[in-house]
Amino acid sequence: LLTIDEDGSVVPLPWPDTLFPMILVIMGTGVSILRVDSAKDGDYVRVGGTACGGGTFLGLARMLTSAKSFGAALALAAAGDAQHADKLVSDIYGEEGCANLGLPGNLTASNFGKLGEMAEVDCSEQDLARALLQMVTQQSVLLASAFAKHAGCINRVFFVGGFVDEANWIARKAIAGNFKNLGGCAYFLRHSDFLGSLGSLRCALRALRGNW
């Protein structure tokens, strides 16, 4: 169990003393969000999700940049700066205004907002890829935080799935940072991209045992 700090380093974490209820965010081509209420079989409910997931990132990256694969899109994003495309809260209110409002200045006010301004913006394809990755991750963070607050488990939100595997450290860092800004803690699991397969295997083995 781990999270990511501001400089991108992996921070090992213990399991929460109170585990349930918890929010499980499964990020793949799309995103599903589950509230798990206990360790009992079937004691969970899908509370929401979004079609803005890994498929959105790759599809738009292919249209907006030279990337033709997921790996190439991530490589571009790693060299980019989303602030060249995104309008931040500090861009609107200034640092002093953000302090007076009690808002972090680095919160995104508008994804790709700077590209809509009349003045010419210095924004590379690397910046576009990073801003796109930021947009996709922010949608899941905002939804997950809302569901977690409603369930009273803002400090027990787990992100899993192929989109947030270990290779996509940028998404993990963005999720952890955005979630921290919203007052929560984002957990990640080692080899989390295999959890769906492991769950399917467990169900299949259980079904076989029932037939013996």
Protein backbone atom coordinates (compact mmCIF):
# COMPACT_ATOMS: atom_id res chain seq x y z
CA LEU A 1 0.00 0.00 0.00
CA LEU A 2 1.45 3.38 -0.95
CA THR A 3 0.86 6.96 -1.96
CA ILE A 4 2.94 9.49 -3.91
CA ASP A 5 4.42 12.67 -2.43
CA GLU A 6 4.88 16.05 -4.12
CA ASP A 7 8.23 15.17 -5.72
CA GLY A 8 6.91 11.90 -7.12
CA SER A 9 8.51 9.60 -4.55
CA VAL A 10 6.72 6.46 -3.40
CA VAL A 11 5.62 6.65 0.23
CA PRO A 12 4.74 3.25 1.80
CA LEU A 13 1.65 3.40 4.01
CA PRO A 14 0.10 1.02 6.54
CA TRP A 15 -3.44 -0.21 6.00
CA PRO A 16 -5.98 2.06 7.72
CA ASP A 17 -7.03 0.88 11.17
CA THR A 18 -10.65 1.26 10.04
CA LEU A 19 -10.95 -0.03 6.47
CA PHE A 20 -14.69 0.11 5.76
CA PRO A 21 -16.47 1.78 4.21
CA MET A 22 -13.98 2.64 1.53
CA ILE A 23 -14.10 3.98 -2.02
CA LEU A 24 -12.51 1.92 -4.81
CA VAL A 25 -11.79 3.79 -8.05
CA ILE A 26 -11.15 1.46 -10.99
CA MET A 27 -9.42 3.38 -13.79
CA GLY A 28 -9.16 1.67 -17.15
CA THR A 29 -10.56 2.74 -20.52
CA GLY A 30 -13.37 4.30 -18.48
CA VAL A 31 -13.80 4.66 -14.73
CA SER A 32 -16.06 2.89 -12.23
CA ILE A 33 -16.33 3.91 -8.59
CA LEU A 34 -17.45 1.45 -5.92
CA ARG A 35 -18.27 1.89 -2.25
CA VAL A 36 -17.18 -1.22 -0.37
CA ASP A 37 -18.96 -1.57 2.98
CA SER A 38 -17.33 -4.69 4.42
CA ALA A 39 -15.25 -7.76 3.57
CA LYS A 40 -18.41 -9.83 3.06
CA ASP A 41 -19.04 -11.17 -0.44
CA GLY A 42 -21.12 -8.77 -2.49
CA ASP A 43 -21.19 -6.05 0.16
CA TYR A 44 -20.45 -3.22 -2.25
CA VAL A 45 -22.33 -0.90 -4.58
CA ARG A 46 -21.32 0.98 -7.72
CA VAL A 47 -21.92 4.60 -6.77
CA GLY A 48 -20.82 6.20 -10.01
CA GLY A 49 -18.19 6.55 -12.69
CA THR A 50 -17.17 8.52 -15.74
CA ALA A 51 -16.48 7.86 -19.41
CA CYS A 52 -13.42 10.15 -19.09
CA GLY A 53 -10.66 7.59 -18.53
CA GLY A 54 -7.62 6.04 -20.12
CA GLY A 55 -9.36 5.70 -23.46
CA THR A 56 -10.08 9.43 -23.43
CA PHE A 57 -6.44 10.21 -22.72
CA LEU A 58 -5.13 8.03 -25.54
CA GLY A 59 -7.78 9.06 -28.05
CA LEU A 60 -7.32 12.79 -27.56
CA ALA A 61 -3.53 12.44 -27.31
CA ARG A 62 -3.53 10.84 -30.77
CA MET A 63 -5.55 13.78 -32.13
CA LEU A 64 -3.71 16.60 -30.33
CA THR A 65 -0.11 15.36 -30.42
CA SER A 66 2.23 13.19 -32.46
CA ALA A 67 1.80 10.25 -30.06
CA LYS A 68 0.37 7.08 -31.57
CA SER A 69 0.58 4.79 -28.54
CA PHE A 70 -0.17 5.00 -24.83
CA GLY A 71 3.53 4.81 -23.98
CA ALA A 72 4.38 7.60 -26.40
CA ALA A 73 1.61 9.80 -24.97
CA LEU A 74 2.95 9.22 -21.44
CA ALA A 75 6.48 10.06 -22.58
CA LEU A 76 5.25 13.39 -23.99
CA ALA A 77 3.31 14.10 -20.79
CA ALA A 78 6.41 13.42 -18.69
CA ALA A 79 8.23 16.27 -20.47
CA GLY A 80 5.31 18.73 -20.34
CA ASP A 81 3.85 21.29 -17.97
CA ALA A 82 0.06 21.42 -17.67
CA GLN A 83 0.20 25.00 -16.37
CA HIS A 84 1.04 26.18 -19.90
CA ALA A 85 -2.44 25.05 -21.00
CA ASP A 86 -4.57 25.01 -17.84
CA LYS A 87 -5.85 28.13 -16.12
CA LEU A 88 -5.23 27.93 -12.38
CA VAL A 89 -7.10 29.53 -9.52
CA SER A 90 -4.04 31.73 -8.92
CA ASP A 91 -4.26 32.97 -12.54
CA ILE A 92 -7.68 34.40 -11.70
CA TYR A 93 -7.34 35.63 -8.11
CA GLY A 94 -3.58 35.92 -7.65
CA GLU A 95 -1.72 34.37 -4.74
CA GLU A 96 -3.04 36.92 -2.23
CA GLY A 97 -6.62 36.40 -3.38
CA CYS A 98 -6.23 32.63 -3.11
CA ALA A 99 -4.95 33.03 0.44
CA ASN A 100 -7.93 35.22 1.35
CA LEU A 101 -10.33 32.67 -0.16
CA GLY A 102 -8.59 29.72 1.48
CA LEU A 103 -7.96 28.07 -1.88
CA PRO A 104 -4.71 26.48 -3.08
CA GLY A 105 -3.37 28.58 -5.94
CA ASN A 106 -2.37 25.50 -7.92
CA LEU A 107 -5.94 24.19 -8.20
CA THR A 108 -7.11 23.96 -11.81
CA ALA A 109 -9.83 26.50 -12.55
CA SER A 110 -10.24 25.49 -16.21
CA ASN A 111 -8.69 22.60 -18.10
CA PHE A 112 -7.01 24.01 -21.23
CA GLY A 113 -8.37 27.41 -20.17
CA LYS A 114 -5.30 29.36 -21.28
CA LEU A 115 -5.77 28.13 -24.83
CA GLY A 116 -9.04 30.06 -25.02
CA GLU A 117 -7.41 33.41 -24.33
CA MET A 118 -6.91 35.93 -27.08
CA ALA A 119 -3.18 36.29 -26.35
CA GLU A 120 -0.87 33.75 -27.97
CA VAL A 121 0.04 30.94 -25.56
CA ASP A 122 3.38 29.12 -25.57
CA CYS A 123 2.12 25.55 -25.31
CA SER A 124 3.99 22.55 -26.73
CA GLU A 125 2.60 19.12 -27.56
CA GLN A 126 4.28 17.90 -24.38
CA ASP A 127 2.31 20.49 -22.41
CA LEU A 128 -0.90 19.40 -24.16
CA ALA A 129 -0.28 15.77 -23.25
CA ARG A 130 0.40 16.68 -19.61
CA ALA A 131 -2.70 18.87 -19.44
CA LEU A 132 -4.77 16.07 -20.98
CA LEU A 133 -3.50 13.60 -18.41
CA GLN A 134 -4.27 16.11 -15.68
CA MET A 135 -7.83 16.60 -16.97
CA VAL A 136 -8.54 12.86 -17.05
CA THR A 137 -7.21 12.25 -13.55
CA GLN A 138 -8.98 15.26 -12.08
CA GLN A 139 -12.39 14.01 -13.16
CA SER A 140 -11.96 10.80 -11.19
CA VAL A 141 -10.48 12.63 -8.21
CA LEU A 142 -13.40 15.06 -7.99
CA LEU A 143 -16.00 12.30 -8.29
CA ALA A 144 -14.21 10.01 -5.85
CA SER A 145 -13.78 12.77 -3.27
CA ALA A 146 -17.49 13.64 -3.44
CA PHE A 147 -18.54 10.00 -2.95
CA ALA A 148 -15.95 9.55 -0.18
CA LYS A 149 -17.16 12.61 1.71
CA HIS A 150 -20.74 11.36 1.45
CA ALA A 151 -19.67 7.96 2.81
CA GLY A 152 -17.45 9.48 5.51
CA CYS A 153 -14.23 7.90 4.22
CA ILE A 154 -12.24 10.71 2.59
CA ASN A 155 -9.04 9.12 3.93
CA ARG A 156 -9.86 5.66 2.52
CA VAL A 157 -9.90 6.01 -1.27
CA PHE A 158 -8.07 3.39 -3.33
CA PHE A 159 -7.13 3.86 -7.01
CA VAL A 160 -6.59 0.70 -9.08
CA GLY A 161 -6.70 -0.42 -12.71
CA GLY A 162 -4.49 -0.41 -15.78
CA PHE A 163 -4.47 3.37 -16.15
CA VAL A 164 -2.73 3.83 -12.78
CA ASP A 165 -0.24 0.97 -13.00
CA GLU A 166 3.34 1.55 -11.86
CA ALA A 167 4.48 2.76 -15.30
CA ASN A 168 2.05 5.68 -15.18
CA TRP A 169 3.73 7.47 -12.27
CA ILE A 170 2.56 10.83 -13.64
CA ALA A 171 -1.10 9.91 -13.19
CA ARG A 172 -0.41 8.59 -9.70
CA LYS A 173 1.39 11.81 -8.75
CA ALA A 174 -1.41 13.96 -10.18
CA ILE A 175 -4.11 11.95 -8.39
CA ALA A 176 -2.27 12.04 -5.06
CA GLY A 177 -1.64 15.79 -5.34
CA ASN A 178 -5.17 16.66 -6.39
CA PHE A 179 -6.67 14.46 -3.69
CA LYS A 180 -4.44 16.04 -1.04
CA ASN A 181 -5.66 19.49 -2.15
CA LEU A 182 -9.21 18.27 -1.51
CA GLY A 183 -8.36 17.11 2.00
CA GLY A 184 -8.06 13.38 1.38
CA CYS A 185 -5.50 10.64 0.89
CA ALA A 186 -5.19 8.58 -2.29
CA TYR A 187 -3.93 5.01 -1.86
CA PHE A 188 -2.35 2.88 -4.57
CA LEU A 189 -1.60 -0.85 -4.56
CA ARG A 190 1.40 -2.62 -6.02
CA HIS A 191 0.42 -4.55 -9.17
CA SER A 192 -3.03 -2.91 -8.95
CA ASP A 193 -3.56 -3.45 -12.68
CA PHE A 194 -3.95 -7.19 -11.97
CA LEU A 195 -6.64 -6.87 -9.30
CA GLY A 196 -9.49 -7.44 -11.74
CA SER A 197 -7.86 -10.64 -13.02
CA LEU A 198 -7.22 -11.85 -9.48
CA GLY A 199 -10.84 -11.19 -8.54
CA SER A 200 -12.06 -13.11 -11.58
CA LEU A 201 -9.75 -16.01 -10.73
CA ARG A 202 -11.03 -16.05 -7.15
CA CYS A 203 -14.67 -16.18 -8.34
CA ALA A 204 -13.85 -18.95 -10.84
CA LEU A 205 -12.10 -21.07 -8.20
CA ARG A 206 -14.99 -20.57 -5.80
CA ALA A 207 -17.45 -21.68 -8.49
CA LEU A 208 -15.35 -24.78 -9.18
CA ARG A 209 -15.27 -25.68 -5.50
CA GLY A 210 -19.04 -25.34 -5.40
CA ASN A 211 -19.34 -27.92 -8.21
CA TRP A 212 -17.09 -30.50 -6.55
